[in-house]
PDB file of N, CA and C in Angstrom:
ATOM      1  N   UNK A   1     -10.570  22.514  -0.443  1.00  0.00           N
ATOM      2  CA  UNK A   1     -10.990  22.121   0.894  1.00  0.00           C
ATOM      3  C   UNK A   1     -10.151  20.921   1.342  1.00  0.00           C
ATOM      4  N   UNK A   2      -9.629  20.944   2.572  1.00  0.00           N
ATOM      5  CA  UNK A   2      -8.807  19.825   3.053  1.00  0.00           C
ATOM      6  C   UNK A   2      -9.606  18.524   3.081  1.00  0.00           C
ATOM      7  N   UNK A   3      -8.905  17.442   2.838  1.00  0.00           N
ATOM      8  CA  UNK A   3      -9.547  16.128   2.862  1.00  0.00           C
ATOM      9  C   UNK A   3      -9.974  15.789   4.292  1.00  0.00           C
ATOM     10  N   UNK A   4     -11.171  15.235   4.417  1.00  0.00           N
ATOM     11  CA  UNK A   4     -11.677  14.780   5.710  1.00  0.00           C
ATOM     12  C   UNK A   4     -11.489  13.269   5.784  1.00  0.00           C
ATOM     13  N   UNK A   5     -10.972  12.778   6.906  1.00  0.00           N
ATOM     14  CA  UNK A   5     -10.673  11.352   7.063  1.00  0.00           C
ATOM     15  C   UNK A   5     -11.337  10.835   8.332  1.00  0.00           C
ATOM     16  N   UNK A   6     -12.030   9.715   8.203  1.00  0.00           N
ATOM     17  CA  UNK A   6     -12.602   9.014   9.348  1.00  0.00           C
ATOM     18  C   UNK A   6     -11.827   7.712   9.511  1.00  0.00           C
ATOM     19  N   UNK A   7     -11.349   7.451  10.715  1.00  0.00           N
ATOM     20  CA  UNK A   7     -10.551   6.257  10.976  1.00  0.00           C
ATOM     21  C   UNK A   7     -11.400   5.256  11.750  1.00  0.00           C
ATOM     22  N   UNK A   8     -11.419   4.004  11.269  1.00  0.00           N
ATOM     23  CA  UNK A   8     -12.212   2.957  11.911  1.00  0.00           C
ATOM     24  C   UNK A   8     -11.377   1.692  12.053  1.00  0.00           C
ATOM     25  N   UNK A   9     -11.554   0.976  13.163  1.00  0.00           N
ATOM     26  CA  UNK A   9     -10.885  -0.320  13.291  1.00  0.00           C
ATOM     27  C   UNK A   9     -11.521  -1.339  12.353  1.00  0.00           C
ATOM     28  N   UNK A  10     -10.809  -2.415  12.103  1.00  0.00           N
ATOM     29  CA  UNK A  10     -11.325  -3.530  11.313  1.00  0.00           C
ATOM     30  C   UNK A  10     -11.280  -4.775  12.206  1.00  0.00           C
ATOM     31  N   UNK A  11     -11.862  -5.881  11.766  1.00  0.00           N
ATOM     32  CA  UNK A  11     -11.759  -7.109  12.572  1.00  0.00           C
ATOM     33  C   UNK A  11     -10.312  -7.568  12.782  1.00  0.00           C
ATOM     34  N   UNK A  12      -9.420  -7.184  11.878  1.00  0.00           N
ATOM     35  CA  UNK A  12      -8.003  -7.514  12.005  1.00  0.00           C
ATOM     36  C   UNK A  12      -7.319  -6.410  12.815  1.00  0.00           C
ATOM     37  N   UNK A  13      -6.759  -6.718  13.989  1.00  0.00           N
ATOM     38  CA  UNK A  13      -6.119  -5.669  14.797  1.00  0.00           C
ATOM     39  C   UNK A  13      -4.890  -5.047  14.140  1.00  0.00           C
ATOM     40  N   UNK A  14      -4.372  -5.670  13.093  1.00  0.00           N
ATOM     41  CA  UNK A  14      -3.219  -5.115  12.384  1.00  0.00           C
ATOM     42  C   UNK A  14      -3.626  -4.271  11.184  1.00  0.00           C
ATOM     43  N   UNK A  15      -4.937  -4.051  11.012  1.00  0.00           N
ATOM     44  CA  UNK A  15      -5.428  -3.248   9.884  1.00  0.00           C
ATOM     45  C   UNK A  15      -6.374  -2.164  10.388  1.00  0.00           C
ATOM     46  N   UNK A  16      -6.329  -1.011   9.735  1.00  0.00           N
ATOM     47  CA  UNK A  16      -7.197   0.111  10.082  1.00  0.00           C
ATOM     48  C   UNK A  16      -7.744   0.692   8.782  1.00  0.00           C
ATOM     49  N   UNK A  17      -9.020   1.102   8.826  1.00  0.00           N
ATOM     50  CA  UNK A  17      -9.687   1.654   7.645  1.00  0.00           C
ATOM     51  C   UNK A  17      -9.731   3.174   7.759  1.00  0.00           C
ATOM     52  N   UNK A  18      -9.292   3.849   6.696  1.00  0.00           N
ATOM     53  CA  UNK A  18      -9.293   5.304   6.611  1.00  0.00           C
ATOM     54  C   UNK A  18     -10.268   5.681   5.496  1.00  0.00           C
ATOM     55  N   UNK A  19     -11.434   6.223   5.864  1.00  0.00           N
ATOM     56  CA  UNK A  19     -12.454   6.597   4.884  1.00  0.00           C
ATOM     57  C   UNK A  19     -12.337   8.086   4.602  1.00  0.00           C
ATOM     58  N   UNK A  20     -12.311   8.430   3.312  1.00  0.00           N
ATOM     59  CA  UNK A  20     -12.142   9.819   2.888  1.00  0.00           C
ATOM     60  C   UNK A  20     -13.456  10.390   2.385  1.00  0.00           C
ATOM     61  N   UNK A  21     -13.518  11.706   2.307  1.00  0.00           N
ATOM     62  CA  UNK A  21     -14.706  12.388   1.789  1.00  0.00           C
ATOM     63  C   UNK A  21     -14.630  12.574   0.277  1.00  0.00           C
ATOM     64  N   UNK A  22     -13.771  11.808  -0.385  1.00  0.00           N
ATOM     65  CA  UNK A  22     -13.601  11.895  -1.838  1.00  0.00           C
ATOM     66  C   UNK A  22     -13.087  10.550  -2.348  1.00  0.00           C
ATOM     67  N   UNK A  23     -13.161  10.341  -3.652  1.00  0.00           N
ATOM     68  CA  UNK A  23     -12.668   9.075  -4.203  1.00  0.00           C
ATOM     69  C   UNK A  23     -11.161   8.912  -3.997  1.00  0.00           C
ATOM     70  N   UNK A  24     -10.767   7.697  -3.703  1.00  0.00           N
ATOM     71  CA  UNK A  24      -9.347   7.362  -3.587  1.00  0.00           C
ATOM     72  C   UNK A  24      -8.859   6.781  -4.908  1.00  0.00           C
ATOM     73  N   UNK A  25      -9.644   5.873  -5.470  1.00  0.00           N
ATOM     74  CA  UNK A  25      -9.331   5.272  -6.774  1.00  0.00           C
ATOM     75  C   UNK A  25     -10.603   5.224  -7.604  1.00  0.00           C
ATOM     76  N   UNK A  26     -10.431   5.252  -8.899  1.00  0.00           N
ATOM     77  CA  UNK A  26     -11.543   5.086  -9.834  1.00  0.00           C
ATOM     78  C   UNK A  26     -11.490   3.655 -10.352  1.00  0.00           C
ATOM     79  N   UNK A  27     -12.650   3.032 -10.466  1.00  0.00           N
ATOM     80  CA  UNK A  27     -12.679   1.683 -11.028  1.00  0.00           C
ATOM     81  C   UNK A  27     -12.265   0.630 -10.021  1.00  0.00           C
ATOM     82  N   UNK A  28     -11.361  -0.239 -10.444  1.00  0.00           N
ATOM     83  CA  UNK A  28     -10.968  -1.396  -9.640  1.00  0.00           C
ATOM     84  C   UNK A  28     -10.178  -1.017  -8.395  1.00  0.00           C
ATOM     85  N   UNK A  29     -10.328  -1.845  -7.368  1.00  0.00           N
ATOM     86  CA  UNK A  29      -9.538  -1.657  -6.156  1.00  0.00           C
ATOM     87  C   UNK A  29      -8.067  -1.961  -6.457  1.00  0.00           C
ATOM     88  N   UNK A  30      -7.202  -1.483  -5.572  1.00  0.00           N
ATOM     89  CA  UNK A  30      -5.762  -1.685  -5.724  1.00  0.00           C
ATOM     90  C   UNK A  30      -5.203  -2.195  -4.409  1.00  0.00           C
ATOM     91  N   UNK A  31      -4.367  -3.215  -4.476  1.00  0.00           N
ATOM     92  CA  UNK A  31      -3.780  -3.810  -3.283  1.00  0.00           C
ATOM     93  C   UNK A  31      -2.273  -3.910  -3.461  1.00  0.00           C
ATOM     94  N   UNK A  32      -1.531  -3.510  -2.421  1.00  0.00           N
ATOM     95  CA  UNK A  32      -0.072  -3.513  -2.476  1.00  0.00           C
ATOM     96  C   UNK A  32       0.474  -4.143  -1.198  1.00  0.00           C
ATOM     97  N   UNK A  33       1.391  -5.102  -1.363  1.00  0.00           N
ATOM     98  CA  UNK A  33       1.983  -5.784  -0.219  1.00  0.00           C
ATOM     99  C   UNK A  33       3.447  -5.435   0.007  1.00  0.00           C
ATOM    100  N   UNK A  34       3.965  -4.497  -0.790  1.00  0.00           N
ATOM    101  CA  UNK A  34       5.362  -4.083  -0.613  1.00  0.00           C
ATOM    102  C   UNK A  34       5.565  -2.719  -1.265  1.00  0.00           C
ATOM    103  N   UNK A  35       6.595  -2.008  -0.834  1.00  0.00           N
ATOM    104  CA  UNK A  35       6.901  -0.729  -1.481  1.00  0.00           C
ATOM    105  C   UNK A  35       7.208  -0.903  -2.970  1.00  0.00           C
ATOM    106  N   UNK A  36       7.841  -2.011  -3.336  1.00  0.00           N
ATOM    107  CA  UNK A  36       8.163  -2.251  -4.740  1.00  0.00           C
ATOM    108  C   UNK A  36       6.889  -2.397  -5.566  1.00  0.00           C
ATOM    109  N   UNK A  37       5.894  -3.087  -5.030  1.00  0.00           N
ATOM    110  CA  UNK A  37       4.624  -3.265  -5.743  1.00  0.00           C
ATOM    111  C   UNK A  37       3.899  -1.937  -5.908  1.00  0.00           C
ATOM    112  N   UNK A  38       4.170  -0.988  -5.010  1.00  0.00           N
ATOM    113  CA  UNK A  38       3.473   0.300  -5.013  1.00  0.00           C
ATOM    114  C   UNK A  38       4.158   1.354  -5.877  1.00  0.00           C
ATOM    115  N   UNK A  39       5.200   0.993  -6.587  1.00  0.00           N
ATOM    116  CA  UNK A  39       5.972   1.961  -7.368  1.00  0.00           C
ATOM    117  C   UNK A  39       5.124   2.839  -8.274  1.00  0.00           C
ATOM    118  N   UNK A  40       4.042   2.308  -8.835  1.00  0.00           N
ATOM    119  CA  UNK A  40       3.245   3.070  -9.800  1.00  0.00           C
ATOM    120  C   UNK A  40       2.088   3.826  -9.148  1.00  0.00           C
ATOM    121  N   UNK A  41       1.992   3.764  -7.830  1.00  0.00           N
ATOM    122  CA  UNK A  41       0.927   4.468  -7.115  1.00  0.00           C
ATOM    123  C   UNK A  41       1.543   5.510  -6.185  1.00  0.00           C
ATOM    124  N   UNK A  42       1.456   6.788  -6.532  1.00  0.00           N
ATOM    125  CA  UNK A  42       2.047   7.821  -5.669  1.00  0.00           C
ATOM    126  C   UNK A  42       1.506   7.790  -4.233  1.00  0.00           C
ATOM    127  N   UNK A  43       0.208   7.549  -4.060  1.00  0.00           N
ATOM    128  CA  UNK A  43      -0.357   7.512  -2.710  1.00  0.00           C
ATOM    129  C   UNK A  43       0.163   6.304  -1.940  1.00  0.00           C
ATOM    130  N   UNK A  44       0.155   5.136  -2.543  1.00  0.00           N
ATOM    131  CA  UNK A  44       0.656   3.939  -1.858  1.00  0.00           C
ATOM    132  C   UNK A  44       2.131   4.105  -1.497  1.00  0.00           C
ATOM    133  N   UNK A  45       2.920   4.725  -2.381  1.00  0.00           N
ATOM    134  CA  UNK A  45       4.330   4.978  -2.075  1.00  0.00           C
ATOM    135  C   UNK A  45       4.471   5.847  -0.831  1.00  0.00           C
ATOM    136  N   UNK A  46       3.638   6.886  -0.730  1.00  0.00           N
ATOM    137  CA  UNK A  46       3.681   7.754   0.460  1.00  0.00           C
ATOM    138  C   UNK A  46       3.333   6.958   1.718  1.00  0.00           C
ATOM    139  N   UNK A  47       2.351   6.070   1.612  1.00  0.00           N
ATOM    140  CA  UNK A  47       1.933   5.290   2.779  1.00  0.00           C
ATOM    141  C   UNK A  47       3.020   4.302   3.204  1.00  0.00           C
ATOM    142  N   UNK A  48       3.682   3.665   2.244  1.00  0.00           N
ATOM    143  CA  UNK A  48       4.768   2.744   2.590  1.00  0.00           C
ATOM    144  C   UNK A  48       5.972   3.480   3.175  1.00  0.00           C
ATOM    145  N   UNK A  49       6.073   4.779   2.959  1.00  0.00           N
ATOM    146  CA  UNK A  49       7.162   5.554   3.558  1.00  0.00           C
ATOM    147  C   UNK A  49       6.957   5.737   5.060  1.00  0.00           C
ATOM    148  N   UNK A  50       5.742   5.473   5.545  1.00  0.00           N
ATOM    149  CA  UNK A  50       5.453   5.550   6.982  1.00  0.00           C
ATOM    150  C   UNK A  50       5.999   4.278   7.636  1.00  0.00           C
ATOM    151  N   UNK A  51       6.864   4.436   8.623  1.00  0.00           N
ATOM    152  CA  UNK A  51       7.466   3.285   9.290  1.00  0.00           C
ATOM    153  C   UNK A  51       6.394   2.382   9.886  1.00  0.00           C
ATOM    154  N   UNK A  52       6.450   1.103   9.544  1.00  0.00           N
ATOM    155  CA  UNK A  52       5.516   0.127  10.091  1.00  0.00           C
ATOM    156  C   UNK A  52       4.416  -0.290   9.140  1.00  0.00           C
ATOM    157  N   UNK A  53       4.208   0.448   8.049  1.00  0.00           N
ATOM    158  CA  UNK A  53       3.175   0.068   7.079  1.00  0.00           C
ATOM    159  C   UNK A  53       3.687  -1.129   6.278  1.00  0.00           C
ATOM    160  N   UNK A  54       2.869  -2.211   6.221  1.00  0.00           N
ATOM    161  CA  UNK A  54       3.271  -3.419   5.491  1.00  0.00           C
ATOM    162  C   UNK A  54       2.287  -3.789   4.384  1.00  0.00           C
ATOM    163  N   UNK A  55       1.154  -3.081   4.296  1.00  0.00           N
ATOM    164  CA  UNK A  55       0.188  -3.374   3.249  1.00  0.00           C
ATOM    165  C   UNK A  55      -0.780  -2.226   3.066  1.00  0.00           C
ATOM    166  N   UNK A  56      -1.233  -2.033   1.820  1.00  0.00           N
ATOM    167  CA  UNK A  56      -2.167  -0.956   1.491  1.00  0.00           C
ATOM    168  C   UNK A  56      -3.214  -1.511   0.536  1.00  0.00           C
ATOM    169  N   UNK A  57      -4.482  -1.292   0.869  1.00  0.00           N
ATOM    170  CA  UNK A  57      -5.594  -1.660  -0.006  1.00  0.00           C
ATOM    171  C   UNK A  57      -6.425  -0.405  -0.216  1.00  0.00           C
ATOM    172  N   UNK A  58      -6.693  -0.056  -1.481  1.00  0.00           N
ATOM    173  CA  UNK A  58      -7.455   1.152  -1.787  1.00  0.00           C
ATOM    174  C   UNK A  58      -8.640   0.787  -2.666  1.00  0.00           C
ATOM    175  N   UNK A  59      -9.811   1.311  -2.314  1.00  0.00           N
ATOM    176  CA  UNK A  59     -11.019   1.084  -3.110  1.00  0.00           C
ATOM    177  C   UNK A  59     -11.968   2.249  -2.880  1.00  0.00           C
ATOM    178  N   UNK A  60     -12.673   2.633  -3.928  1.00  0.00           N
ATOM    179  CA  UNK A  60     -13.694   3.686  -3.836  1.00  0.00           C
ATOM    180  C   UNK A  60     -13.168   4.869  -3.024  1.00  0.00           C
ATOM    181  N   UNK A  61     -13.723   5.084  -1.821  1.00  0.00           N
ATOM    182  CA  UNK A  61     -13.340   6.237  -1.006  1.00  0.00           C
ATOM    183  C   UNK A  61     -12.622   5.841   0.289  1.00  0.00           C
ATOM    184  N   UNK A  62     -11.994   4.663   0.315  1.00  0.00           N
ATOM    185  CA  UNK A  62     -11.301   4.277   1.548  1.00  0.00           C
ATOM    186  C   UNK A  62      -9.972   3.578   1.261  1.00  0.00           C
ATOM    187  N   UNK A  63      -9.143   3.585   2.315  1.00  0.00           N
ATOM    188  CA  UNK A  63      -7.837   2.929   2.294  1.00  0.00           C
ATOM    189  C   UNK A  63      -7.767   2.060   3.540  1.00  0.00           C
ATOM    190  N   UNK A  64      -7.399   0.816   3.379  1.00  0.00           N
ATOM    191  CA  UNK A  64      -7.119  -0.033   4.525  1.00  0.00           C
ATOM    192  C   UNK A  64      -5.610  -0.220   4.580  1.00  0.00           C
ATOM    193  N   UNK A  65      -5.046   0.111   5.736  1.00  0.00           N
ATOM    194  CA  UNK A  65      -3.603   0.020   5.934  1.00  0.00           C
ATOM    195  C   UNK A  65      -3.329  -1.105   6.924  1.00  0.00           C
ATOM    196  N   UNK A  66      -2.379  -1.983   6.560  1.00  0.00           N
ATOM    197  CA  UNK A  66      -1.916  -3.018   7.483  1.00  0.00           C
ATOM    198  C   UNK A  66      -0.567  -2.589   8.041  1.00  0.00           C
ATOM    199  N   UNK A  67      -0.387  -2.870   9.330  1.00  0.00           N
ATOM    200  CA  UNK A  67       0.851  -2.465   9.992  1.00  0.00           C
ATOM    201  C   UNK A  67       1.601  -3.674  10.529  1.00  0.00           C
ATOM    202  N   UNK A  68       2.853  -3.469  10.805  1.00  0.00           N
ATOM    203  CA  UNK A  68       3.690  -4.463  11.460  1.00  0.00           C
ATOM    204  C   UNK A  68       3.231  -4.594  12.912  1.00  0.00           C
ATOM    205  N   UNK A  69       3.358  -5.773  13.480  1.00  0.00           N
ATOM    206  CA  UNK A  69       2.866  -6.001  14.843  1.00  0.00           C
ATOM    207  C   UNK A  69       3.666  -5.267  15.915  1.00  0.00           C
ATOM    208  N   UNK A  70       4.877  -4.824  15.609  1.00  0.00           N
ATOM    209  CA  UNK A  70       5.656  -4.134  16.647  1.00  0.00           C
ATOM    210  C   UNK A  70       5.511  -2.611  16.610  1.00  0.00           C
ATOM    211  N   UNK A  71       4.520  -2.114  15.887  1.00  0.00           N
ATOM    212  CA  UNK A  71       4.222  -0.680  15.846  1.00  0.00           C
ATOM    213  C   UNK A  71       2.788  -0.489  16.336  1.00  0.00           C
ATOM    214  N   UNK A  72       2.569   0.513  17.176  1.00  0.00           N
ATOM    215  CA  UNK A  72       1.226   0.769  17.718  1.00  0.00           C
ATOM    216  C   UNK A  72       0.454   1.726  16.814  1.00  0.00           C
ATOM    217  N   UNK A  73      -0.873   1.549  16.765  1.00  0.00           N
ATOM    218  CA  UNK A  73      -1.716   2.440  15.955  1.00  0.00           C
ATOM    219  C   UNK A  73      -1.611   3.883  16.425  1.00  0.00           C
ATOM    220  N   UNK A  74      -1.423   4.099  17.714  1.00  0.00           N
ATOM    221  CA  UNK A  74      -1.312   5.462  18.236  1.00  0.00           C
ATOM    222  C   UNK A  74      -0.138   6.192  17.592  1.00  0.00           C
ATOM    223  N   UNK A  75       0.885   5.438  17.228  1.00  0.00           N
ATOM    224  CA  UNK A  75       2.072   6.019  16.595  1.00  0.00           C
ATOM    225  C   UNK A  75       1.881   6.170  15.082  1.00  0.00           C
ATOM    226  N   UNK A  76       1.304   5.178  14.459  1.00  0.00           N
ATOM    227  CA  UNK A  76       1.282   5.126  12.997  1.00  0.00           C
ATOM    228  C   UNK A  76       0.076   5.840  12.370  1.00  0.00           C
ATOM    229  N   UNK A  77      -1.092   5.799  13.001  1.00  0.00           N
ATOM    230  CA  UNK A  77      -2.310   6.370  12.397  1.00  0.00           C
ATOM    231  C   UNK A  77      -2.159   7.857  12.060  1.00  0.00           C
ATOM    232  N   UNK A  78      -1.620   8.697  12.955  1.00  0.00           N
ATOM    233  CA  UNK A  78      -1.462  10.114  12.591  1.00  0.00           C
ATOM    234  C   UNK A  78      -0.523  10.315  11.398  1.00  0.00           C
ATOM    235  N   UNK A  79       0.475   9.457  11.265  1.00  0.00           N
ATOM    236  CA  UNK A  79       1.409   9.569  10.134  1.00  0.00           C
ATOM    237  C   UNK A  79       0.749   9.138   8.834  1.00  0.00           C
ATOM    238  N   UNK A  80      -0.111   8.116   8.915  1.00  0.00           N
ATOM    239  CA  UNK A  80      -0.864   7.694   7.732  1.00  0.00           C
ATOM    240  C   UNK A  80      -1.797   8.826   7.302  1.00  0.00           C
ATOM    241  N   UNK A  81      -2.514   9.410   8.264  1.00  0.00           N
ATOM    242  CA  UNK A  81      -3.410  10.531   7.940  1.00  0.00           C
ATOM    243  C   UNK A  81      -2.633  11.684   7.307  1.00  0.00           C
ATOM    244  N   UNK A  82      -1.468  12.003   7.845  1.00  0.00           N
ATOM    245  CA  UNK A  82      -0.660  13.100   7.299  1.00  0.00           C
ATOM    246  C   UNK A  82      -0.228  12.795   5.865  1.00  0.00           C
ATOM    247  N   UNK A  83       0.129  11.545   5.582  1.00  0.00           N
ATOM    248  CA  UNK A  83       0.531  11.166   4.223  1.00  0.00           C
ATOM    249  C   UNK A  83      -0.639  11.296   3.256  1.00  0.00           C
ATOM    250  N   UNK A  84      -1.830  10.899   3.692  1.00  0.00           N
ATOM    251  CA  UNK A  84      -3.023  11.012   2.842  1.00  0.00           C
ATOM    252  C   UNK A  84      -3.329  12.484   2.578  1.00  0.00           C
ATOM    253  N   UNK A  85      -3.285  13.300   3.631  1.00  0.00           N
ATOM    254  CA  UNK A  85      -3.568  14.730   3.469  1.00  0.00           C
ATOM    255  C   UNK A  85      -2.538  15.391   2.556  1.00  0.00           C
ATOM    256  N   UNK A  86      -1.277  15.007   2.678  1.00  0.00           N
ATOM    257  CA  UNK A  86      -0.235  15.563   1.806  1.00  0.00           C
ATOM    258  C   UNK A  86      -0.490  15.172   0.354  1.00  0.00           C
ATOM    259  N   UNK A  87      -0.941  13.955   0.146  1.00  0.00           N
ATOM    260  CA  UNK A  87      -1.206  13.487  -1.221  1.00  0.00           C
ATOM    261  C   UNK A  87      -2.337  14.273  -1.876  1.00  0.00           C
ATOM    262  N   UNK A  88      -3.407  14.517  -1.113  1.00  0.00           N
ATOM    263  CA  UNK A  88      -4.572  15.197  -1.675  1.00  0.00           C
ATOM    264  C   UNK A  88      -4.472  16.716  -1.573  1.00  0.00           C
ATOM    265  N   UNK A  89      -3.377  17.200  -0.975  1.00  0.00           N
ATOM    266  CA  UNK A  89      -3.133  18.637  -0.918  1.00  0.00           C
ATOM    267  C   UNK A  89      -4.085  19.334  -0.020  1.00  0.00           C
TER     268      UNK A  89
END
């Protein structure tokens, strides 16, 4: 079954929360501030491949993505969703 994603704003206008209908990580949360830091996380690597992504936080069943200020959410959010869906097949 395809992954279901709910997108919600956060108090930070440069961050958006993507809640999934399944676990994203088991155990401890994971935070990445650069593509190099994300080398060991296939999902975080996919998210950093989206132009404008500058940070990824993953916990339980959600991902919070931080973006660069010169990219609009209307442009980046669909690409983030596509990367998540590609990761979960």
